[in-house]
């Protein structure tokens, strides 16, 4: 990766209220700090629009229904909570304009942050609910399992909201909104190198996400890796991991894992008096981590996370709407979900019919530079008019330009956060 500074950005997120069909129990729509309950809605689409738009194969004219596999529970639920608000805000914005007079609904299912449950959720959405467009999932391994077990060989469009695992690049039929994690690993290697460390201890979670990012880090890091071991999710203790990292004599510790696992490691390292400069990939960062670790225990830690495009007017409006609704700023993970929903809506608006094969023809083109830049769903629908095509628009997401490449990967921006006085402070930005 060629790393270069870009405009200052901040990792923020999203929220809103829209028509969501909540399945598999109660779907949390909370961000981290202010948990609230949410009830389902179904949306009552008005079929009286005059614009040309996709029609269902059975000729129905009610709301369009897409599927969403999210991490409502399990180790990635903190990300799922952020997603839920981004989903709601996007549905609200889409349905204020409508897709040719028809609303958009989202049928939600819980992956429980595991591949097996994610596959079951996707099977229900695709085989029973018959959705032609599937947003999901959070975890890279879950997204890949869904693609291989449910989506591959069908016309269903799959767009992951949060998966950053490097291996997904090898599956061009699996789109994602968040940038590939390999960019993160390269940035981590650059950070460690810039701080003049000669050796590192590398701890990575034993799944597709951890394996992929760790592999890229090894290829990008020019120094010695004196500890390089995987660990499982969900263990009650990681004392053997942190003691081995400490005994390795490494100049710095690099973590490619999830919030619950890292929190336990940080607590046990602190209680045992182990000290080292910490570096981490996106999934170790969050307010839950700060709330659950002693002040001073993470001081100076640097984390590389995907960044939303806060310099853009559409993001600023999005953040203002979010804060007005929920009393706090959004996260980039919610921004990615917001853009997934808007991209789905624009794909539907420009397709000949509401089928997977038709949406496959439009989902990439609505975000490509050949069209006129549009920054909101309403603006896009104005440009499309009654006879516009996917080639006529280039949706610029609240998370930044998307422009899916041939591998289904988007353009990515990253932010470097440093823990200062037990708070995350933006200290740098990079473009992948």
Protein backbone atom coordinates (compact mmCIF):
# COMPACT_ATOMS: atom_id res chain seq x y z
CA UNK A 1 0.00 0.00 0.00
CA UNK A 2 1.15 3.54 -0.74
CA UNK A 3 0.24 5.54 2.32
CA UNK A 4 -0.43 9.25 2.08
CA UNK A 5 -2.17 11.85 4.24
CA UNK A 6 -5.61 13.07 3.21
CA UNK A 7 -8.10 15.56 4.61
CA UNK A 8 -8.69 15.29 8.33
CA UNK A 9 -11.49 12.88 9.09
CA UNK A 10 -13.08 11.34 12.17
CA UNK A 11 -14.57 7.93 12.81
CA UNK A 12 -18.20 8.67 13.50
CA UNK A 13 -21.36 6.70 12.84
CA UNK A 14 -25.15 6.80 12.27
CA UNK A 15 -28.75 6.37 13.33
CA UNK A 16 -32.33 7.00 12.45
CA UNK A 17 -35.88 5.72 12.34
CA UNK A 18 -37.21 3.79 9.39
CA UNK A 19 -39.42 0.87 8.48
CA UNK A 20 -37.64 -2.25 9.70
CA UNK A 21 -39.17 -5.69 9.90
CA UNK A 22 -37.59 -7.12 13.03
CA UNK A 23 -37.22 -10.88 12.95
CA UNK A 24 -35.61 -13.49 15.18
CA UNK A 25 -36.58 -11.70 18.36
CA UNK A 26 -35.96 -8.11 19.28
CA UNK A 27 -33.42 -6.38 17.07
CA UNK A 28 -31.35 -3.88 19.02
CA UNK A 29 -31.20 -0.46 17.43
CA UNK A 30 -28.90 1.06 19.99
CA UNK A 31 -25.49 2.57 19.77
CA UNK A 32 -23.14 1.89 22.64
CA UNK A 33 -24.01 4.59 25.13
CA UNK A 34 -27.80 4.84 25.09
CA UNK A 35 -29.52 1.47 24.81
CA UNK A 36 -33.16 1.64 23.79
CA UNK A 37 -35.76 -0.89 22.73
CA UNK A 38 -37.16 -0.96 19.23
CA UNK A 39 -40.25 -2.51 17.78
CA UNK A 40 -40.89 -3.70 14.29
CA UNK A 41 -42.56 -1.81 11.57
CA UNK A 42 -43.47 -3.16 8.14
CA UNK A 43 -43.86 -0.01 6.14
CA UNK A 44 -46.95 0.77 4.12
CA UNK A 45 -45.70 1.57 0.66
CA UNK A 46 -47.71 3.83 -1.61
CA UNK A 47 -47.87 2.25 -5.02
CA UNK A 48 -49.13 5.35 -6.75
CA UNK A 49 -45.79 6.77 -7.93
CA UNK A 50 -45.38 7.86 -11.54
CA UNK A 51 -41.66 7.08 -11.91
CA UNK A 52 -40.43 4.05 -13.80
CA UNK A 53 -39.04 1.59 -11.27
CA UNK A 54 -38.44 -2.09 -10.75
CA UNK A 55 -41.46 -4.36 -10.41
CA UNK A 56 -41.60 -7.68 -8.62
CA UNK A 57 -41.74 -10.75 -10.79
CA UNK A 58 -45.25 -11.40 -9.42
CA UNK A 59 -46.40 -7.88 -10.23
CA UNK A 60 -46.83 -6.77 -6.63
CA UNK A 61 -46.56 -3.09 -5.77
CA UNK A 62 -46.13 -3.00 -2.00
CA UNK A 63 -42.86 -2.21 -0.20
CA UNK A 64 -39.66 -3.70 -1.56
CA UNK A 65 -38.15 -6.06 1.01
CA UNK A 66 -34.44 -6.66 1.38
CA UNK A 67 -32.70 -8.89 3.94
CA UNK A 68 -30.22 -7.91 6.66
CA UNK A 69 -28.03 -10.33 8.62
CA UNK A 70 -26.63 -8.41 11.58
CA UNK A 71 -24.79 -9.24 14.82
CA UNK A 72 -27.53 -8.55 17.33
CA UNK A 73 -25.86 -10.83 19.87
CA UNK A 74 -22.46 -12.44 20.34
CA UNK A 75 -18.93 -11.07 20.31
CA UNK A 76 -19.61 -8.58 17.50
CA UNK A 77 -22.86 -7.21 18.90
CA UNK A 78 -21.31 -3.80 19.62
CA UNK A 79 -20.89 -3.36 15.87
CA UNK A 80 -24.37 -4.70 15.25
CA UNK A 81 -25.85 -2.09 17.56
CA UNK A 82 -24.18 0.68 15.58
CA UNK A 83 -25.38 -0.90 12.34
CA UNK A 84 -28.99 -0.91 13.49
CA UNK A 85 -29.21 2.84 13.80
CA UNK A 86 -27.56 3.38 10.45
CA UNK A 87 -30.12 1.01 8.96
CA UNK A 88 -33.02 2.90 10.50
CA UNK A 89 -31.81 6.33 9.41
CA UNK A 90 -31.26 5.14 5.85
CA UNK A 91 -34.72 3.60 5.65
CA UNK A 92 -36.22 6.83 6.93
CA UNK A 93 -34.41 8.88 4.30
CA UNK A 94 -35.25 6.47 1.47
CA UNK A 95 -38.91 6.25 2.44
CA UNK A 96 -39.33 10.01 2.69
CA UNK A 97 -38.60 10.08 -1.06
CA UNK A 98 -39.74 6.51 -1.93
CA UNK A 99 -38.62 4.34 -4.82
CA UNK A 100 -41.11 5.37 -7.48
CA UNK A 101 -43.83 5.58 -4.85
CA UNK A 102 -42.90 2.36 -3.07
CA UNK A 103 -41.20 2.11 0.30
CA UNK A 104 -38.26 -0.07 1.33
CA UNK A 105 -38.44 -2.60 4.16
CA UNK A 106 -35.60 -4.56 5.75
CA UNK A 107 -36.18 -8.01 7.23
CA UNK A 108 -33.58 -8.48 9.97
CA UNK A 109 -32.05 -11.71 11.25
CA UNK A 110 -29.41 -12.28 13.94
CA UNK A 111 -26.15 -14.00 13.01
CA UNK A 112 -25.27 -14.32 16.72
CA UNK A 113 -21.78 -13.37 15.47
CA UNK A 114 -21.16 -16.95 14.31
CA UNK A 115 -20.93 -18.51 10.86
CA UNK A 116 -23.44 -21.29 11.53
CA UNK A 117 -26.14 -18.93 12.80
CA UNK A 118 -25.33 -16.45 10.05
CA UNK A 119 -25.86 -19.11 7.40
CA UNK A 120 -29.17 -20.14 8.99
CA UNK A 121 -30.28 -16.50 9.05
CA UNK A 122 -29.35 -16.00 5.40
CA UNK A 123 -31.07 -19.23 4.37
CA UNK A 124 -34.27 -18.02 6.00
CA UNK A 125 -34.08 -14.64 4.26
CA UNK A 126 -33.22 -16.03 0.82
CA UNK A 127 -35.21 -19.26 0.78
CA UNK A 128 -38.26 -18.36 2.85
CA UNK A 129 -38.56 -14.59 2.52
CA UNK A 130 -37.24 -14.60 -1.04
CA UNK A 131 -35.15 -11.45 -0.77
CA UNK A 132 -33.07 -10.69 -3.89
CA UNK A 133 -30.75 -8.31 -2.02
CA UNK A 134 -28.98 -9.36 1.19
CA UNK A 135 -26.97 -7.04 3.45
CA UNK A 136 -24.65 -9.06 5.66
CA UNK A 137 -22.68 -9.66 7.63
CA UNK A 138 -20.46 -8.01 10.26
CA UNK A 139 -17.79 -10.70 10.74
CA UNK A 140 -15.70 -11.60 7.71
CA UNK A 141 -15.98 -15.33 8.35
CA UNK A 142 -19.75 -15.02 8.69
CA UNK A 143 -20.03 -13.07 5.42
CA UNK A 144 -17.91 -15.61 3.58
CA UNK A 145 -19.83 -18.56 5.01
CA UNK A 146 -23.10 -16.97 3.89
CA UNK A 147 -21.72 -16.40 0.42
CA UNK A 148 -20.37 -19.91 -0.01
CA UNK A 149 -23.38 -21.70 1.54
CA UNK A 150 -26.30 -19.54 0.47
CA UNK A 151 -25.49 -16.91 -2.16
CA UNK A 152 -22.92 -18.43 -4.50
CA UNK A 153 -24.59 -19.91 -7.57
CA UNK A 154 -27.69 -17.73 -7.17
CA UNK A 155 -28.56 -14.26 -8.46
CA UNK A 156 -28.90 -12.81 -4.95
CA UNK A 157 -26.83 -9.67 -4.35
CA UNK A 158 -24.78 -9.84 -1.13
CA UNK A 159 -23.31 -6.63 0.30
CA UNK A 160 -21.45 -6.84 3.62
CA UNK A 161 -21.77 -3.82 5.86
CA UNK A 162 -18.64 -4.30 7.98
CA UNK A 163 -16.42 -7.21 6.89
CA UNK A 164 -12.78 -6.20 6.47
CA UNK A 165 -11.11 -9.62 6.11
CA UNK A 166 -8.56 -9.71 3.32
CA UNK A 167 -9.82 -13.00 1.88
CA UNK A 168 -13.10 -11.44 0.73
CA UNK A 169 -11.21 -9.76 -2.11
CA UNK A 170 -10.93 -13.21 -3.71
CA UNK A 171 -14.75 -13.41 -4.01
CA UNK A 172 -15.85 -10.70 -6.46
CA UNK A 173 -19.47 -11.78 -6.11
CA UNK A 174 -19.36 -10.72 -2.45
CA UNK A 175 -19.46 -6.93 -2.21
CA UNK A 176 -18.56 -4.97 0.90
CA UNK A 177 -18.94 -1.38 2.00
CA UNK A 178 -16.06 -1.16 4.51
CA UNK A 179 -12.48 -1.13 3.15
CA UNK A 180 -10.36 -4.31 3.10
CA UNK A 181 -8.44 -5.03 6.27
CA UNK A 182 -5.18 -5.40 4.38
CA UNK A 183 -5.04 -1.64 4.25
CA UNK A 184 -5.29 -1.62 8.04
CA UNK A 185 -2.46 -4.11 8.40
CA UNK A 186 -0.24 -2.07 6.13
CA UNK A 187 -1.01 1.05 8.13
CA UNK A 188 -0.27 -0.80 11.39
CA UNK A 189 3.10 -1.93 10.05
CA UNK A 190 3.89 1.65 9.06
CA UNK A 191 2.92 2.96 12.51
CA UNK A 192 5.11 0.43 14.31
CA UNK A 193 7.99 1.15 11.96
CA UNK A 194 7.62 4.92 12.38
CA UNK A 195 7.95 4.47 16.14
CA UNK A 196 11.32 2.73 15.62
CA UNK A 197 10.37 -0.65 17.07
CA UNK A 198 12.51 -3.57 15.96
CA UNK A 199 10.34 -6.46 17.16
CA UNK A 200 6.67 -7.13 17.81
CA UNK A 201 4.44 -9.70 19.48
CA UNK A 202 1.45 -10.42 17.22
CA UNK A 203 -1.77 -11.82 18.73
CA UNK A 204 -4.56 -12.61 16.27
CA UNK A 205 -7.99 -14.17 16.53
CA UNK A 206 -8.19 -17.58 14.90
CA UNK A 207 -10.67 -16.93 12.08
CA UNK A 208 -10.70 -15.50 8.54
CA UNK A 209 -10.49 -11.92 9.81
CA UNK A 210 -7.53 -12.52 12.09
CA UNK A 211 -5.68 -14.81 9.71
CA UNK A 212 -6.01 -12.43 6.76
CA UNK A 213 -4.92 -9.28 8.58
CA UNK A 214 -2.08 -11.09 10.33
CA UNK A 215 -0.80 -12.42 7.02
CA UNK A 216 -0.74 -8.94 5.51
CA UNK A 217 0.99 -7.52 8.58
CA UNK A 218 3.74 -10.14 8.26
CA UNK A 219 4.29 -9.26 4.62
CA UNK A 220 4.39 -5.51 5.32
CA UNK A 221 6.40 -5.50 8.57
CA UNK A 222 10.16 -5.45 8.07
CA UNK A 223 11.18 -6.20 11.66
CA UNK A 224 11.15 -9.35 13.78
CA UNK A 225 7.92 -11.02 14.92
CA UNK A 226 9.01 -12.77 18.12
CA UNK A 227 5.53 -13.94 19.09
CA UNK A 228 2.98 -14.89 16.41
CA UNK A 229 0.09 -17.00 17.73
CA UNK A 230 -3.66 -17.28 17.24
CA UNK A 231 -6.26 -17.37 20.00
CA UNK A 232 -9.89 -18.49 20.09
CA UNK A 233 -12.90 -16.26 20.63
CA UNK A 234 -14.86 -16.22 23.85
CA UNK A 235 -12.30 -17.52 26.34
CA UNK A 236 -12.72 -16.44 29.95
CA UNK A 237 -8.98 -15.80 30.29
CA UNK A 238 -6.07 -15.02 27.99
CA UNK A 239 -3.39 -15.05 30.66
CA UNK A 240 -1.25 -17.48 28.66
CA UNK A 241 -1.39 -15.16 25.65
CA UNK A 242 -0.29 -12.02 27.49
CA UNK A 243 2.37 -13.85 29.53
CA UNK A 244 3.84 -15.29 26.33
CA UNK A 245 3.79 -11.87 24.69
CA UNK A 246 5.57 -10.41 27.72
CA UNK A 247 8.15 -13.22 27.80
CA UNK A 248 8.90 -12.75 24.12
CA UNK A 249 10.72 -9.50 24.87
CA UNK A 250 8.98 -7.73 21.98
CA UNK A 251 9.33 -3.95 21.67
CA UNK A 252 5.61 -3.60 20.89
CA UNK A 253 2.40 -5.64 20.97
CA UNK A 254 0.02 -5.83 18.00
CA UNK A 255 -3.57 -7.04 18.48
CA UNK A 256 -5.80 -8.26 15.66
CA UNK A 257 -8.85 -9.47 17.55
CA UNK A 258 -12.25 -8.34 18.88
CA UNK A 259 -13.28 -6.03 21.70
CA UNK A 260 -14.21 -8.68 24.32
CA UNK A 261 -11.02 -10.66 23.75
CA UNK A 262 -8.77 -7.61 23.72
CA UNK A 263 -10.43 -6.18 26.83
CA UNK A 264 -9.66 -9.36 28.75
CA UNK A 265 -6.06 -9.36 27.51
CA UNK A 266 -5.57 -5.71 28.46
CA UNK A 267 -7.02 -6.28 31.94
CA UNK A 268 -4.79 -9.30 32.57
CA UNK A 269 -1.69 -7.59 31.22
CA UNK A 270 -2.29 -4.61 33.47
CA UNK A 271 -2.96 -6.71 36.57
CA UNK A 272 0.29 -8.60 35.97
CA UNK A 273 2.33 -5.44 35.48
CA UNK A 274 3.16 -6.15 31.83
CA UNK A 275 3.99 -3.01 29.87
CA UNK A 276 4.50 -2.47 26.14
CA UNK A 277 3.34 -0.05 23.43
CA UNK A 278 0.03 -1.34 22.05
CA UNK A 279 -1.19 -1.27 18.43
CA UNK A 280 -4.46 -2.63 17.13
CA UNK A 281 -6.76 -3.18 14.17
CA UNK A 282 -10.27 -1.75 14.04
CA UNK A 283 -12.12 -4.39 16.05
CA UNK A 284 -10.24 -3.77 19.30
CA UNK A 285 -11.50 -0.18 19.55
CA UNK A 286 -14.65 0.99 21.28
CA UNK A 287 -16.03 2.81 24.30
CA UNK A 288 -16.81 -0.55 25.91
CA UNK A 289 -13.09 -1.27 25.91
CA UNK A 290 -12.31 2.01 27.67
CA UNK A 291 -15.13 1.48 30.17
CA UNK A 292 -13.81 -1.98 31.07
CA UNK A 293 -10.09 -1.25 31.43
CA UNK A 294 -8.27 0.74 34.13
CA UNK A 295 -7.38 4.32 33.30
CA UNK A 296 -3.80 4.50 32.11
CA UNK A 297 -3.68 0.85 31.05
CA UNK A 298 -4.03 1.71 27.34
CA UNK A 299 -2.26 5.06 27.29
CA UNK A 300 -0.59 5.69 23.94
CA UNK A 301 -2.23 2.75 22.17
CA UNK A 302 -2.69 3.37 18.45
CA UNK A 303 -5.59 1.82 16.53
CA UNK A 304 -6.31 1.91 12.80
CA UNK A 305 -10.02 2.12 11.97
CA UNK A 306 -12.12 2.80 8.86
CA UNK A 307 -13.16 6.43 8.59
CA UNK A 308 -16.33 8.14 7.47
CA UNK A 309 -16.10 11.18 5.18
CA UNK A 310 -16.85 13.92 7.69
CA UNK A 311 -15.61 16.65 5.35
CA UNK A 312 -18.55 15.95 3.03
CA UNK A 313 -21.80 17.87 3.46
CA UNK A 314 -23.90 14.71 3.25
CA UNK A 315 -22.03 13.18 6.17
CA UNK A 316 -22.38 16.34 8.22
CA UNK A 317 -26.13 16.34 7.64
CA UNK A 318 -26.24 12.65 8.47
CA UNK A 319 -24.32 13.21 11.71
CA UNK A 320 -26.56 16.16 12.62
CA UNK A 321 -29.68 14.04 12.06
CA UNK A 322 -28.18 11.26 14.13
CA UNK A 323 -27.28 13.51 17.02
CA UNK A 324 -30.68 15.19 16.93
CA UNK A 325 -32.39 11.81 17.12
CA UNK A 326 -30.12 10.07 19.63
CA UNK A 327 -28.13 12.74 21.43
CA UNK A 328 -24.73 11.46 20.34
CA UNK A 329 -22.49 11.29 17.30
CA UNK A 330 -22.58 8.29 14.98
CA UNK A 331 -19.83 5.79 14.18
CA UNK A 332 -18.29 4.84 10.85
CA UNK A 333 -19.84 1.36 11.16
CA UNK A 334 -23.29 2.93 11.10
CA UNK A 335 -22.22 5.00 8.10
CA UNK A 336 -21.31 1.83 6.21
CA UNK A 337 -24.73 0.31 6.96
CA UNK A 338 -26.44 3.53 5.88
CA UNK A 339 -24.64 3.40 2.55
CA UNK A 340 -25.51 -0.29 2.10
CA UNK A 341 -29.21 0.54 2.37
CA UNK A 342 -29.03 3.56 0.05
CA UNK A 343 -27.02 1.55 -2.48
CA UNK A 344 -29.65 -1.20 -2.34
CA UNK A 345 -32.43 1.35 -2.86
CA UNK A 346 -30.67 2.93 -5.84
CA UNK A 347 -30.04 -0.50 -7.32
CA UNK A 348 -33.75 -1.23 -7.08
CA UNK A 349 -34.68 2.17 -8.50
CA UNK A 350 -32.55 1.63 -11.61
CA UNK A 351 -33.25 -2.09 -12.21
CA UNK A 352 -35.74 -3.35 -14.77
CA UNK A 353 -37.36 -5.59 -12.20
CA UNK A 354 -37.03 -6.51 -8.55
CA UNK A 355 -35.02 -9.70 -9.04
CA UNK A 356 -31.50 -10.70 -8.12
CA UNK A 357 -30.38 -10.92 -11.74
CA UNK A 358 -31.63 -7.39 -12.46
CA UNK A 359 -30.04 -5.97 -9.31
CA UNK A 360 -26.73 -7.61 -10.22
CA UNK A 361 -26.75 -5.38 -13.30
CA UNK A 362 -27.16 -2.13 -11.36
CA UNK A 363 -25.58 -2.48 -7.88
CA UNK A 364 -22.05 -1.62 -8.98
CA UNK A 365 -22.95 1.02 -11.54
CA UNK A 366 -24.88 3.32 -9.17
CA UNK A 367 -21.60 4.07 -7.33
CA UNK A 368 -19.22 4.42 -10.28
CA UNK A 369 -17.52 7.64 -11.45
CA UNK A 370 -19.08 7.55 -14.93
CA UNK A 371 -22.33 8.99 -13.56
CA UNK A 372 -23.19 12.37 -12.07
CA UNK A 373 -22.09 12.67 -8.46
CA UNK A 374 -25.03 12.54 -6.06
CA UNK A 375 -24.76 12.73 -2.30
CA UNK A 376 -28.22 11.77 -1.06
CA UNK A 377 -30.93 9.35 -2.10
CA UNK A 378 -33.30 12.22 -2.84
CA UNK A 379 -30.72 13.92 -5.06
CA UNK A 380 -30.10 10.66 -6.90
CA UNK A 381 -33.80 10.15 -7.59
CA UNK A 382 -34.05 13.69 -8.96
CA UNK A 383 -31.19 13.03 -11.38
CA UNK A 384 -32.69 9.70 -12.43
CA UNK A 385 -36.09 11.20 -13.15
CA UNK A 386 -38.51 8.83 -14.87
CA UNK A 387 -36.14 7.15 -17.30
CA UNK A 388 -32.64 7.35 -15.79
CA UNK A 389 -30.28 4.39 -15.59
CA UNK A 390 -27.64 3.23 -13.13
CA UNK A 391 -24.95 4.74 -15.34
CA UNK A 392 -26.44 8.21 -14.81
CA UNK A 393 -25.49 8.46 -11.12
CA UNK A 394 -22.40 8.09 -8.96
CA UNK A 395 -23.56 7.83 -5.35
CA UNK A 396 -21.05 9.39 -2.97
CA UNK A 397 -21.75 7.73 0.36
CA UNK A 398 -21.73 9.30 3.79
CA UNK A 399 -18.78 6.97 4.39
CA UNK A 400 -17.04 8.49 1.34
CA UNK A 401 -16.76 7.54 -2.33
CA UNK A 402 -17.64 3.88 -2.89
CA UNK A 403 -16.77 2.94 -6.48
CA UNK A 404 -16.76 -0.86 -6.13
CA UNK A 405 -13.80 -2.36 -8.00
CA UNK A 406 -13.74 -5.65 -9.90
CA UNK A 407 -13.28 -7.52 -6.60
CA UNK A 408 -16.28 -5.90 -4.95
CA UNK A 409 -14.09 -3.73 -2.72
CA UNK A 410 -14.71 0.00 -2.17
CA UNK A 411 -12.38 2.95 -2.00
CA UNK A 412 -11.25 3.14 1.64
CA UNK A 413 -10.20 5.80 4.08
CA UNK A 414 -8.64 5.01 7.45
CA UNK A 415 -8.14 6.94 10.64
CA UNK A 416 -5.47 6.51 13.30
CA UNK A 417 -6.77 6.87 16.86
CA UNK A 418 -4.46 7.22 19.84
CA UNK A 419 -5.55 6.66 23.45
CA UNK A 420 -4.82 9.85 25.39
CA UNK A 421 -6.09 10.28 28.96
CA UNK A 422 -8.27 7.21 28.41
CA UNK A 423 -9.99 8.67 25.36
CA UNK A 424 -9.60 8.01 21.63
CA UNK A 425 -8.09 10.99 19.84
CA UNK A 426 -7.65 11.21 16.08
CA UNK A 427 -3.97 11.64 15.26
CA UNK A 428 -3.70 10.81 11.56
CA UNK A 429 -5.59 9.67 8.45
CA UNK A 430 -4.54 7.52 5.50
CA UNK A 431 -6.07 6.49 2.19
CA UNK A 432 -5.89 2.91 0.96
